[in-house]
Amino acid sequence: MFDMVSRRGFVSLSAVAAAGLGLAGCSGNKEPEATGSDAGSAKASSKKETVELQVFAANSLEKALPEVQKLYTEQTGTTFADTQFKASGDLVEQMRAGATVDVLITASKGTMDDAEAAELVDTDTREDMFVNDLVIIRAEGSDTKIEAIADVANLDGKIAIGDAKTVPAGKYANQALASVGLYTGAEGDDGEYAPEIADKVALADKVGTAAAYVSTGDCVAGFVYSSDIFRYDGIEEAFVCPEDSHKPIVYPGAVAESSEHADEAKAFIDFCLSNKKAQKIWAKYGFELSA
């Protein structure tokens, strides 16, 4: 702008007159300035296109992630489409079916492994983002006592567990049950419940549903993540499952192969892990950054 004003300030009136009288017909290399709608189009094309990212994320991130996304939008201008929060396995199936995605965050390494094997994500962008704990919950104010995993066999009522076919929390729960002889498969999705609890298990389509079963009183206890205590009203922690009773609970994130904004998608993953304000949001909802 300064150079343009300077030039105009030093153009003499005589030069302007000469241009009007004698130079209008001369040919030159300078292109005519765009006017009207052409000028408007030129200005629009010069502006940086606003990027909108589509994120698929594990159901347990439903409260924390939108706050981080809002923070990212405020700082970068990048916006987000309607983020899909579902069981990790369901998200991968949607991607298999052709869903266009920029970022995938799952609640288990195994589910991300499945996405990677199906070439749905860019392996080079994969990051372990968060860790979590597996807890047994009860309704808030309940007198249900659980001092060990095996105690669920003695409960008078249903036990909410995520369906291990699609819900990572369900796999972790089954692994914990297997550690005390109440499930027959060490992997968590390859066995059956012991007779002591087989009739008590209420399968949930996602970890949030398991929490809801307990909060409404449909189940007396349930297996969820520690972060779910911060997400749902009406539940409280009854027992924290020992770390050695199940595989480590890790949330990997990666850029999807279908992304048309791969650089921006990777930048968002990096922001989630490095921005101090974002880290406070994760901590508020019970998530710890993966070391």
C-alpha atoms as a PDB file:
ATOM      1  CA  MET A   1       0.000   0.000   0.000  1.00  0.00           C
ATOM      2  CA  PHE A   2       2.822   2.446   0.844  1.00  0.00           C
ATOM      3  CA  ASP A   3       4.505   1.944  -2.577  1.00  0.00           C
ATOM      4  CA  MET A   4       1.219   2.469  -4.386  1.00  0.00           C
ATOM      5  CA  VAL A   5       0.509   5.727  -2.551  1.00  0.00           C
ATOM      6  CA  SER A   6       4.096   6.938  -3.207  1.00  0.00           C
ATOM      7  CA  ARG A   7       3.824   6.362  -6.916  1.00  0.00           C
ATOM      8  CA  ARG A   8       0.543   8.210  -7.129  1.00  0.00           C
ATOM      9  CA  GLY A   9       1.967  11.103  -5.173  1.00  0.00           C
ATOM     10  CA  PHE A  10       4.821  11.617  -7.593  1.00  0.00           C
ATOM     11  CA  VAL A  11       2.965  11.304 -10.907  1.00  0.00           C
ATOM     12  CA  SER A  12       2.805  14.786 -12.439  1.00  0.00           C
ATOM     13  CA  LEU A  13      -0.319  16.274 -13.916  1.00  0.00           C
ATOM     14  CA  SER A  14       1.417  16.635 -17.254  1.00  0.00           C
ATOM     15  CA  ALA A  15       2.226  12.962 -17.338  1.00  0.00           C
ATOM     16  CA  VAL A  16      -1.397  12.171 -16.649  1.00  0.00           C
ATOM     17  CA  ALA A  17      -2.463  14.468 -19.462  1.00  0.00           C
ATOM     18  CA  ALA A  18       0.047  12.910 -21.823  1.00  0.00           C
ATOM     19  CA  ALA A  19      -1.193   9.492 -20.941  1.00  0.00           C
ATOM     20  CA  GLY A  20      -4.747  10.578 -21.657  1.00  0.00           C
ATOM     21  CA  LEU A  21      -3.916  12.244 -25.024  1.00  0.00           C
ATOM     22  CA  GLY A  22      -1.132  10.282 -26.564  1.00  0.00           C
ATOM     23  CA  LEU A  23      -0.487   7.053 -24.752  1.00  0.00           C
ATOM     24  CA  ALA A  24      -3.952   5.565 -24.626  1.00  0.00           C
ATOM     25  CA  GLY A  25      -3.484   3.972 -27.987  1.00  0.00           C
ATOM     26  CA  CYS A  26       0.036   2.707 -27.419  1.00  0.00           C
ATOM     27  CA  SER A  27       0.477  -0.990 -26.884  1.00  0.00           C
ATOM     28  CA  GLY A  28       2.249  -2.144 -23.718  1.00  0.00           C
ATOM     29  CA  ASN A  29       2.904  -5.155 -21.539  1.00  0.00           C
ATOM     30  CA  LYS A  30       0.783  -4.045 -18.572  1.00  0.00           C
ATOM     31  CA  GLU A  31      -2.497  -5.904 -18.232  1.00  0.00           C
ATOM     32  CA  PRO A  32      -5.648  -3.822 -17.638  1.00  0.00           C
ATOM     33  CA  GLU A  33      -6.926  -3.788 -14.080  1.00  0.00           C
ATOM     34  CA  ALA A  34      -9.908  -6.020 -13.369  1.00  0.00           C
ATOM     35  CA  THR A  35     -13.146  -4.174 -12.768  1.00  0.00           C
ATOM     36  CA  GLY A  36     -16.610  -5.058 -11.541  1.00  0.00           C
ATOM     37  CA  SER A  37     -17.217  -8.750 -10.921  1.00  0.00           C
ATOM     38  CA  ASP A  38     -13.781  -9.646 -12.320  1.00  0.00           C
ATOM     39  CA  ALA A  39     -12.150  -7.564  -9.590  1.00  0.00           C
ATOM     40  CA  GLY A  40     -14.286  -9.231  -6.964  1.00  0.00           C
ATOM     41  CA  SER A  41     -13.312 -12.682  -8.215  1.00  0.00           C
ATOM     42  CA  ALA A  42      -9.627 -11.756  -8.168  1.00  0.00           C
ATOM     43  CA  LYS A  43      -9.866 -10.599  -4.564  1.00  0.00           C
ATOM     44  CA  ALA A  44     -11.738 -13.740  -3.520  1.00  0.00           C
ATOM     45  CA  SER A  45      -9.228 -16.038  -5.160  1.00  0.00           C
ATOM     46  CA  SER A  46      -6.373 -14.258  -3.417  1.00  0.00           C
ATOM     47  CA  LYS A  47      -7.793 -15.053   0.010  1.00  0.00           C
ATOM     48  CA  LYS A  48      -6.662 -18.221   1.719  1.00  0.00           C
ATOM     49  CA  GLU A  49      -9.305 -20.904   1.567  1.00  0.00           C
ATOM     50  CA  THR A  50     -10.816 -21.748   4.943  1.00  0.00           C
ATOM     51  CA  VAL A  51     -10.100 -25.382   5.809  1.00  0.00           C
ATOM     52  CA  GLU A  52     -12.756 -27.569   7.438  1.00  0.00           C
ATOM     53  CA  LEU A  53     -11.596 -30.820   9.021  1.00  0.00           C
ATOM     54  CA  GLN A  54     -13.680 -33.949   9.507  1.00  0.00           C
ATOM     55  CA  VAL A  55     -12.660 -35.767  12.687  1.00  0.00           C
ATOM     56  CA  PHE A  56     -13.712 -39.298  13.689  1.00  0.00           C
ATOM     57  CA  ALA A  57     -13.055 -39.806  17.410  1.00  0.00           C
ATOM     58  CA  ALA A  58     -13.697 -42.389  20.113  1.00  0.00           C
ATOM     59  CA  ASN A  59     -16.913 -41.823  22.031  1.00  0.00           C
ATOM     60  CA  SER A  60     -15.050 -41.117  25.265  1.00  0.00           C
ATOM     61  CA  LEU A  61     -13.614 -37.902  23.752  1.00  0.00           C
ATOM     62  CA  GLU A  62     -17.080 -36.421  23.260  1.00  0.00           C
ATOM     63  CA  LYS A  63     -16.716 -33.723  25.926  1.00  0.00           C
ATOM     64  CA  ALA A  64     -13.037 -32.808  25.763  1.00  0.00           C
ATOM     65  CA  LEU A  65     -12.403 -32.737  22.012  1.00  0.00           C
ATOM     66  CA  PRO A  66     -14.993 -30.054  21.081  1.00  0.00           C
ATOM     67  CA  GLU A  67     -13.371 -27.659  23.546  1.00  0.00           C
ATOM     68  CA  VAL A  68      -9.957 -28.264  21.999  1.00  0.00           C
ATOM     69  CA  GLN A  69     -11.418 -27.830  18.519  1.00  0.00           C
ATOM     70  CA  LYS A  70     -12.956 -24.495  19.514  1.00  0.00           C
ATOM     71  CA  LEU A  71      -9.578 -23.360  20.845  1.00  0.00           C
ATOM     72  CA  TYR A  72      -7.896 -24.425  17.597  1.00  0.00           C
ATOM     73  CA  THR A  73     -10.449 -22.539  15.494  1.00  0.00           C
ATOM     74  CA  GLU A  74      -9.899 -19.383  17.539  1.00  0.00           C
ATOM     75  CA  GLN A  75      -6.145 -19.601  17.030  1.00  0.00           C
ATOM     76  CA  THR A  76      -5.950 -20.752  13.398  1.00  0.00           C
ATOM     77  CA  GLY A  77      -9.281 -20.168  11.666  1.00  0.00           C
ATOM     78  CA  THR A  78      -9.554 -23.857  10.763  1.00  0.00           C
ATOM     79  CA  THR A  79     -13.090 -25.133  11.351  1.00  0.00           C
ATOM     80  CA  PHE A  80     -14.533 -28.582  11.937  1.00  0.00           C
ATOM     81  CA  ALA A  81     -17.381 -30.500  10.354  1.00  0.00           C
ATOM     82  CA  ASP A  82     -19.800 -32.446  12.553  1.00  0.00           C
ATOM     83  CA  THR A  83     -17.298 -34.568  14.486  1.00  0.00           C
ATOM     84  CA  GLN A  84     -18.348 -38.205  14.732  1.00  0.00           C
ATOM     85  CA  PHE A  85     -18.113 -39.682  18.236  1.00  0.00           C
ATOM     86  CA  LYS A  86     -18.769 -43.413  18.183  1.00  0.00           C
ATOM     87  CA  ALA A  87     -17.266 -46.716  19.245  1.00  0.00           C
ATOM     88  CA  SER A  88     -13.837 -46.937  17.650  1.00  0.00           C
ATOM     89  CA  GLY A  89     -14.695 -50.074  15.691  1.00  0.00           C
ATOM     90  CA  ASP A  90     -17.791 -48.440  14.221  1.00  0.00           C
ATOM     91  CA  LEU A  91     -15.709 -45.466  13.067  1.00  0.00           C
ATOM     92  CA  VAL A  92     -13.282 -47.753  11.266  1.00  0.00           C
ATOM     93  CA  GLU A  93     -16.193 -49.553   9.588  1.00  0.00           C
ATOM     94  CA  GLN A  94     -17.546 -46.212   8.364  1.00  0.00           C
ATOM     95  CA  MET A  95     -14.151 -45.460   6.866  1.00  0.00           C
ATOM     96  CA  ARG A  96     -14.087 -48.869   5.196  1.00  0.00           C
ATOM     97  CA  ALA A  97     -17.446 -47.992   3.666  1.00  0.00           C
ATOM     98  CA  GLY A  98     -15.965 -44.882   2.067  1.00  0.00           C
ATOM     99  CA  ALA A  99     -16.430 -42.046   4.567  1.00  0.00           C
ATOM    100  CA  THR A 100     -14.145 -39.093   3.865  1.00  0.00           C
ATOM    101  CA  VAL A 101     -12.174 -38.328   7.026  1.00  0.00           C
ATOM    102  CA  ASP A 102      -9.244 -36.097   7.938  1.00  0.00           C
ATOM    103  CA  VAL A 103      -8.340 -37.300  11.453  1.00  0.00           C
ATOM    104  CA  LEU A 104      -9.052 -40.590  13.225  1.00  0.00           C
ATOM    105  CA  ILE A 105      -8.590 -40.957  17.002  1.00  0.00           C
ATOM    106  CA  THR A 106      -9.380 -44.368  18.489  1.00  0.00           C
ATOM    107  CA  ALA A 107      -9.507 -45.642  22.051  1.00  0.00           C
ATOM    108  CA  SER A 108      -7.188 -48.579  21.462  1.00  0.00           C
ATOM    109  CA  LYS A 109      -4.052 -49.459  19.572  1.00  0.00           C
ATOM    110  CA  GLY A 110      -5.757 -52.550  18.189  1.00  0.00           C
ATOM    111  CA  THR A 111      -8.474 -50.557  16.460  1.00  0.00           C
ATOM    112  CA  MET A 112      -5.932 -48.195  14.935  1.00  0.00           C
ATOM    113  CA  ASP A 113      -3.943 -51.246  13.851  1.00  0.00           C
ATOM    114  CA  ASP A 114      -7.063 -52.406  11.994  1.00  0.00           C
ATOM    115  CA  ALA A 115      -7.373 -49.027  10.285  1.00  0.00           C
ATOM    116  CA  GLU A 116      -3.706 -49.136   9.377  1.00  0.00           C
ATOM    117  CA  ALA A 117      -3.930 -52.673   7.970  1.00  0.00           C
ATOM    118  CA  ALA A 118      -6.843 -51.581   5.798  1.00  0.00           C
ATOM    119  CA  GLU A 119      -4.769 -48.626   4.558  1.00  0.00           C
ATOM    120  CA  LEU A 120      -7.297 -46.151   5.945  1.00  0.00           C
ATOM    121  CA  VAL A 121      -4.698 -43.989   7.720  1.00  0.00           C
ATOM    122  CA  ASP A 122      -1.234 -42.664   6.968  1.00  0.00           C
ATOM    123  CA  THR A 123       1.127 -44.770   9.084  1.00  0.00           C
ATOM    124  CA  ASP A 124       3.772 -42.045   9.190  1.00  0.00           C
ATOM    125  CA  THR A 125       1.395 -39.658  10.964  1.00  0.00           C
ATOM    126  CA  ARG A 126       0.298 -42.041  13.712  1.00  0.00           C
ATOM    127  CA  GLU A 127       0.819 -40.752  17.270  1.00  0.00           C
ATOM    128  CA  ASP A 128      -0.055 -42.187  20.680  1.00  0.00           C
ATOM    129  CA  MET A 129      -2.028 -39.272  22.092  1.00  0.00           C
ATOM    130  CA  PHE A 130      -3.622 -40.111  25.452  1.00  0.00           C
ATOM    131  CA  VAL A 131      -3.781 -42.757  28.158  1.00  0.00           C
ATOM    132  CA  ASN A 132      -6.666 -43.651  30.457  1.00  0.00           C
ATOM    133  CA  ASP A 133      -7.661 -45.938  33.328  1.00  0.00           C
ATOM    134  CA  LEU A 134     -10.332 -48.634  33.471  1.00  0.00           C
ATOM    135  CA  VAL A 135     -12.736 -48.224  36.375  1.00  0.00           C
ATOM    136  CA  ILE A 136     -15.786 -49.976  37.733  1.00  0.00           C
ATOM    137  CA  ILE A 137     -18.564 -47.483  38.450  1.00  0.00           C
ATOM    138  CA  ARG A 138     -21.739 -47.443  40.484  1.00  0.00           C
ATOM    139  CA  ALA A 139     -24.653 -45.015  40.666  1.00  0.00           C
ATOM    140  CA  GLU A 140     -23.835 -41.858  42.579  1.00  0.00           C
ATOM    141  CA  GLY A 141     -24.651 -42.356  46.253  1.00  0.00           C
ATOM    142  CA  SER A 142     -25.019 -46.113  45.860  1.00  0.00           C
ATOM    143  CA  ASP A 143     -23.939 -48.409  48.690  1.00  0.00           C
ATOM    144  CA  THR A 144     -22.621 -50.979  46.201  1.00  0.00           C
ATOM    145  CA  LYS A 145     -19.167 -52.033  47.370  1.00  0.00           C
ATOM    146  CA  ILE A 146     -16.494 -53.270  44.985  1.00  0.00           C
ATOM    147  CA  GLU A 147     -13.026 -53.802  46.370  1.00  0.00           C
ATOM    148  CA  ALA A 148     -11.724 -56.129  43.659  1.00  0.00           C
ATOM    149  CA  ILE A 149     -12.617 -57.058  40.090  1.00  0.00           C
ATOM    150  CA  ALA A 150     -13.909 -60.448  41.234  1.00  0.00           C
ATOM    151  CA  ASP A 151     -16.510 -58.734  43.440  1.00  0.00           C
ATOM    152  CA  VAL A 152     -18.742 -58.105  40.416  1.00  0.00           C
ATOM    153  CA  ALA A 153     -19.670 -61.807  40.490  1.00  0.00           C
ATOM    154  CA  ASN A 154     -21.384 -61.261  43.839  1.00  0.00           C
ATOM    155  CA  LEU A 155     -23.449 -58.248  42.803  1.00  0.00           C
ATOM    156  CA  ASP A 156     -27.219 -58.447  42.815  1.00  0.00           C
ATOM    157  CA  GLY A 157     -27.985 -56.861  39.463  1.00  0.00           C
ATOM    158  CA  LYS A 158     -26.725 -56.280  35.946  1.00  0.00           C
ATOM    159  CA  ILE A 159     -23.178 -55.274  34.946  1.00  0.00           C
ATOM    160  CA  ALA A 160     -22.746 -52.854  32.017  1.00  0.00           C
ATOM    161  CA  ILE A 161     -19.923 -53.745  29.631  1.00  0.00           C
ATOM    162  CA  GLY A 162     -19.216 -52.378  26.161  1.00  0.00           C
ATOM    163  CA  ASP A 163     -19.640 -54.826  23.308  1.00  0.00           C
ATOM    164  CA  ALA A 164     -16.045 -55.944  22.729  1.00  0.00           C
ATOM    165  CA  LYS A 165     -16.628 -56.378  18.988  1.00  0.00           C
ATOM    166  CA  THR A 166     -16.634 -52.597  18.516  1.00  0.00           C
ATOM    167  CA  VAL A 167     -16.065 -50.964  21.918  1.00  0.00           C
ATOM    168  CA  PRO A 168     -12.440 -50.910  23.162  1.00  0.00           C
ATOM    169  CA  ALA A 169     -13.605 -50.310  26.749  1.00  0.00           C
ATOM    170  CA  GLY A 170     -15.442 -53.617  26.523  1.00  0.00           C
ATOM    171  CA  LYS A 171     -12.273 -55.415  25.454  1.00  0.00           C
ATOM    172  CA  TYR A 172     -10.336 -53.899  28.348  1.00  0.00           C
ATOM    173  CA  ALA A 173     -13.156 -54.892  30.723  1.00  0.00           C
ATOM    174  CA  ASN A 174     -13.110 -58.469  29.476  1.00  0.00           C
ATOM    175  CA  GLN A 175      -9.335 -58.588  29.829  1.00  0.00           C
ATOM    176  CA  ALA A 176      -9.730 -57.452  33.434  1.00  0.00           C
ATOM    177  CA  LEU A 177     -12.396 -60.097  34.019  1.00  0.00           C
ATOM    178  CA  ALA A 178     -10.136 -62.717  32.423  1.00  0.00           C
ATOM    179  CA  SER A 179      -7.419 -61.813  34.923  1.00  0.00           C
ATOM    180  CA  VAL A 180      -9.677 -63.093  37.720  1.00  0.00           C
ATOM    181  CA  GLY A 181     -11.181 -66.047  35.864  1.00  0.00           C
ATOM    182  CA  LEU A 182     -14.505 -64.459  34.879  1.00  0.00           C
ATOM    183  CA  TYR A 183     -13.821 -64.435  31.130  1.00  0.00           C
ATOM    184  CA  THR A 184     -12.167 -67.132  29.054  1.00  0.00           C
ATOM    185  CA  GLY A 185     -10.251 -65.089  26.449  1.00  0.00           C
ATOM    186  CA  ALA A 186      -7.110 -63.164  27.283  1.00  0.00           C
ATOM    187  CA  GLU A 187      -7.556 -60.758  24.346  1.00  0.00           C
ATOM    188  CA  GLY A 188     -10.956 -59.615  25.543  1.00  0.00           C
ATOM    189  CA  ASP A 189     -12.949 -60.394  22.413  1.00  0.00           C
ATOM    190  CA  ASP A 190     -12.176 -64.057  21.966  1.00  0.00           C
ATOM    191  CA  GLY A 191     -13.920 -65.796  24.858  1.00  0.00           C
ATOM    192  CA  GLU A 192     -17.038 -66.164  26.954  1.00  0.00           C
ATOM    193  CA  TYR A 193     -18.184 -64.922  30.328  1.00  0.00           C
ATOM    194  CA  ALA A 194     -17.940 -67.302  33.252  1.00  0.00           C
ATOM    195  CA  PRO A 195     -21.248 -68.795  34.503  1.00  0.00           C
ATOM    196  CA  GLU A 196     -21.104 -66.577  37.599  1.00  0.00           C
ATOM    197  CA  ILE A 197     -21.687 -63.448  35.540  1.00  0.00           C
ATOM    198  CA  ALA A 198     -22.915 -64.632  32.123  1.00  0.00           C
ATOM    199  CA  ASP A 199     -26.545 -63.775  32.894  1.00  0.00           C
ATOM    200  CA  LYS A 200     -25.623 -60.469  34.514  1.00  0.00           C
ATOM    201  CA  VAL A 201     -23.788 -58.834  31.621  1.00  0.00           C
ATOM    202  CA  ALA A 202     -25.619 -56.040  29.786  1.00  0.00           C
ATOM    203  CA  LEU A 203     -23.753 -55.254  26.566  1.00  0.00           C
ATOM    204  CA  ALA A 204     -23.555 -51.615  25.512  1.00  0.00           C
ATOM    205  CA  ASP A 205     -22.990 -50.228  22.020  1.00  0.00           C
ATOM    206  CA  LYS A 206     -20.524 -47.641  23.330  1.00  0.00           C
ATOM    207  CA  VAL A 207     -18.864 -46.724  26.600  1.00  0.00           C
ATOM    208  CA  GLY A 208     -21.276 -43.824  27.115  1.00  0.00           C
ATOM    209  CA  THR A 209     -24.189 -46.240  26.988  1.00  0.00           C
ATOM    210  CA  ALA A 210     -22.564 -48.367  29.691  1.00  0.00           C
ATOM    211  CA  ALA A 211     -22.305 -45.260  31.870  1.00  0.00           C
ATOM    212  CA  ALA A 212     -25.945 -44.420  31.188  1.00  0.00           C
ATOM    213  CA  TYR A 213     -27.097 -47.917  32.192  1.00  0.00           C
ATOM    214  CA  VAL A 214     -25.510 -47.391  35.585  1.00  0.00           C
ATOM    215  CA  SER A 215     -26.677 -43.819  36.111  1.00  0.00           C
ATOM    216  CA  THR A 216     -30.306 -44.795  35.408  1.00  0.00           C
ATOM    217  CA  GLY A 217     -30.166 -47.811  37.710  1.00  0.00           C
ATOM    218  CA  ASP A 218     -30.597 -50.378  34.936  1.00  0.00           C
ATOM    219  CA  CYS A 219     -27.245 -51.808  36.009  1.00  0.00           C
ATOM    220  CA  VAL A 220     -25.688 -51.816  39.469  1.00  0.00           C
ATOM    221  CA  ALA A 221     -22.144 -51.511  38.121  1.00  0.00           C
ATOM    222  CA  GLY A 222     -20.284 -51.023  34.874  1.00  0.00           C
ATOM    223  CA  PHE A 223     -16.846 -50.848  33.296  1.00  0.00           C
ATOM    224  CA  VAL A 224     -15.862 -47.480  31.795  1.00  0.00           C
ATOM    225  CA  TYR A 225     -12.855 -45.185  31.539  1.00  0.00           C
ATOM    226  CA  SER A 226     -11.865 -42.904  34.383  1.00  0.00           C
ATOM    227  CA  SER A 227     -12.477 -39.951  32.039  1.00  0.00           C
ATOM    228  CA  ASP A 228     -16.144 -40.955  31.817  1.00  0.00           C
ATOM    229  CA  ILE A 229     -16.599 -39.937  35.445  1.00  0.00           C
ATOM    230  CA  PHE A 230     -16.074 -36.360  34.236  1.00  0.00           C
ATOM    231  CA  ARG A 231     -18.459 -36.768  31.288  1.00  0.00           C
ATOM    232  CA  TYR A 232     -21.590 -38.176  32.868  1.00  0.00           C
ATOM    233  CA  ASP A 233     -23.743 -37.236  35.825  1.00  0.00           C
ATOM    234  CA  GLY A 234     -25.106 -39.805  38.225  1.00  0.00           C
ATOM    235  CA  ILE A 235     -22.103 -42.138  38.379  1.00  0.00           C
ATOM    236  CA  GLU A 236     -19.076 -42.460  40.606  1.00  0.00           C
ATOM    237  CA  GLU A 237     -15.940 -44.531  40.808  1.00  0.00           C
ATOM    238  CA  ALA A 238     -16.217 -47.714  42.841  1.00  0.00           C
ATOM    239  CA  PHE A 239     -12.908 -49.374  41.944  1.00  0.00           C
ATOM    240  CA  VAL A 240      -9.908 -48.725  39.701  1.00  0.00           C
ATOM    241  CA  CYS A 241      -8.797 -51.845  37.858  1.00  0.00           C
ATOM    242  CA  PRO A 242      -5.078 -52.556  38.305  1.00  0.00           C
ATOM    243  CA  GLU A 243      -2.960 -51.640  35.303  1.00  0.00           C
ATOM    244  CA  ASP A 244      -1.675 -55.192  34.990  1.00  0.00           C
ATOM    245  CA  SER A 245      -5.214 -56.579  34.689  1.00  0.00           C
ATOM    246  CA  HIS A 246      -5.604 -55.324  31.115  1.00  0.00           C
ATOM    247  CA  LYS A 247      -3.580 -54.003  28.207  1.00  0.00           C
ATOM    248  CA  PRO A 248      -2.509 -50.340  28.383  1.00  0.00           C
ATOM    249  CA  ILE A 249      -5.331 -47.987  27.424  1.00  0.00           C
ATOM    250  CA  VAL A 250      -3.851 -45.807  24.711  1.00  0.00           C
ATOM    251  CA  TYR A 251      -5.577 -43.451  22.268  1.00  0.00           C
ATOM    252  CA  PRO A 252      -3.709 -43.262  18.947  1.00  0.00           C
ATOM    253  CA  GLY A 253      -4.440 -40.563  16.364  1.00  0.00           C
ATOM    254  CA  ALA A 254      -3.560 -40.439  12.678  1.00  0.00           C
ATOM    255  CA  VAL A 255      -4.295 -38.582   9.457  1.00  0.00           C
ATOM    256  CA  ALA A 256      -6.736 -40.484   7.248  1.00  0.00           C
ATOM    257  CA  GLU A 257      -5.682 -41.526   3.772  1.00  0.00           C
ATOM    258  CA  SER A 258      -8.903 -40.000   2.439  1.00  0.00           C
ATOM    259  CA  SER A 259      -8.004 -36.541   3.780  1.00  0.00           C
ATOM    260  CA  GLU A 260      -7.801 -33.690   1.284  1.00  0.00           C
ATOM    261  CA  HIS A 261      -6.141 -31.535   3.952  1.00  0.00           C
ATOM    262  CA  ALA A 262      -3.413 -33.842   5.233  1.00  0.00           C
ATOM    263  CA  ASP A 263      -1.033 -31.091   6.342  1.00  0.00           C
ATOM    264  CA  GLU A 264      -3.764 -29.268   8.276  1.00  0.00           C
ATOM    265  CA  ALA A 265      -4.951 -32.546   9.810  1.00  0.00           C
ATOM    266  CA  LYS A 266      -1.445 -33.360  11.051  1.00  0.00           C
ATOM    267  CA  ALA A 267      -1.096 -29.823  12.387  1.00  0.00           C
ATOM    268  CA  PHE A 268      -4.248 -30.326  14.468  1.00  0.00           C
ATOM    269  CA  ILE A 269      -2.929 -33.579  15.963  1.00  0.00           C
ATOM    270  CA  ASP A 270       0.316 -31.807  16.866  1.00  0.00           C
ATOM    271  CA  PHE A 271      -1.649 -28.949  18.444  1.00  0.00           C
ATOM    272  CA  CYS A 272      -3.588 -31.385  20.630  1.00  0.00           C
ATOM    273  CA  LEU A 273      -0.335 -32.698  22.051  1.00  0.00           C
ATOM    274  CA  SER A 274       1.719 -29.517  22.347  1.00  0.00           C
ATOM    275  CA  ASN A 275      -0.573 -26.597  23.118  1.00  0.00           C
ATOM    276  CA  LYS A 276      -0.610 -25.769  26.843  1.00  0.00           C
ATOM    277  CA  LYS A 277      -4.252 -24.665  26.882  1.00  0.00           C
ATOM    278  CA  ALA A 278      -5.273 -27.842  25.079  1.00  0.00           C
ATOM    279  CA  GLN A 279      -3.380 -29.913  27.633  1.00  0.00           C
ATOM    280  CA  LYS A 280      -5.376 -28.290  30.431  1.00  0.00           C
ATOM    281  CA  ILE A 281      -8.604 -29.259  28.694  1.00  0.00           C
ATOM    282  CA  TRP A 282      -7.523 -32.890  28.369  1.00  0.00           C
ATOM    283  CA  ALA A 283      -6.549 -32.953  32.049  1.00  0.00           C
ATOM    284  CA  LYS A 284      -9.893 -31.442  33.048  1.00  0.00           C
ATOM    285  CA  TYR A 285     -11.642 -34.461  31.562  1.00  0.00           C
ATOM    286  CA  GLY A 286      -9.303 -37.055  33.017  1.00  0.00           C
ATOM    287  CA  PHE A 287      -7.002 -37.677  30.047  1.00  0.00           C
ATOM    288  CA  GLU A 288      -3.243 -37.840  30.370  1.00  0.00           C
ATOM    289  CA  LEU A 289      -0.884 -37.275  27.463  1.00  0.00           C
ATOM    290  CA  SER A 290       0.888 -40.429  26.376  1.00  0.00           C
ATOM    291  CA  ALA A 291       4.536 -40.286  27.441  1.00  0.00           C
END
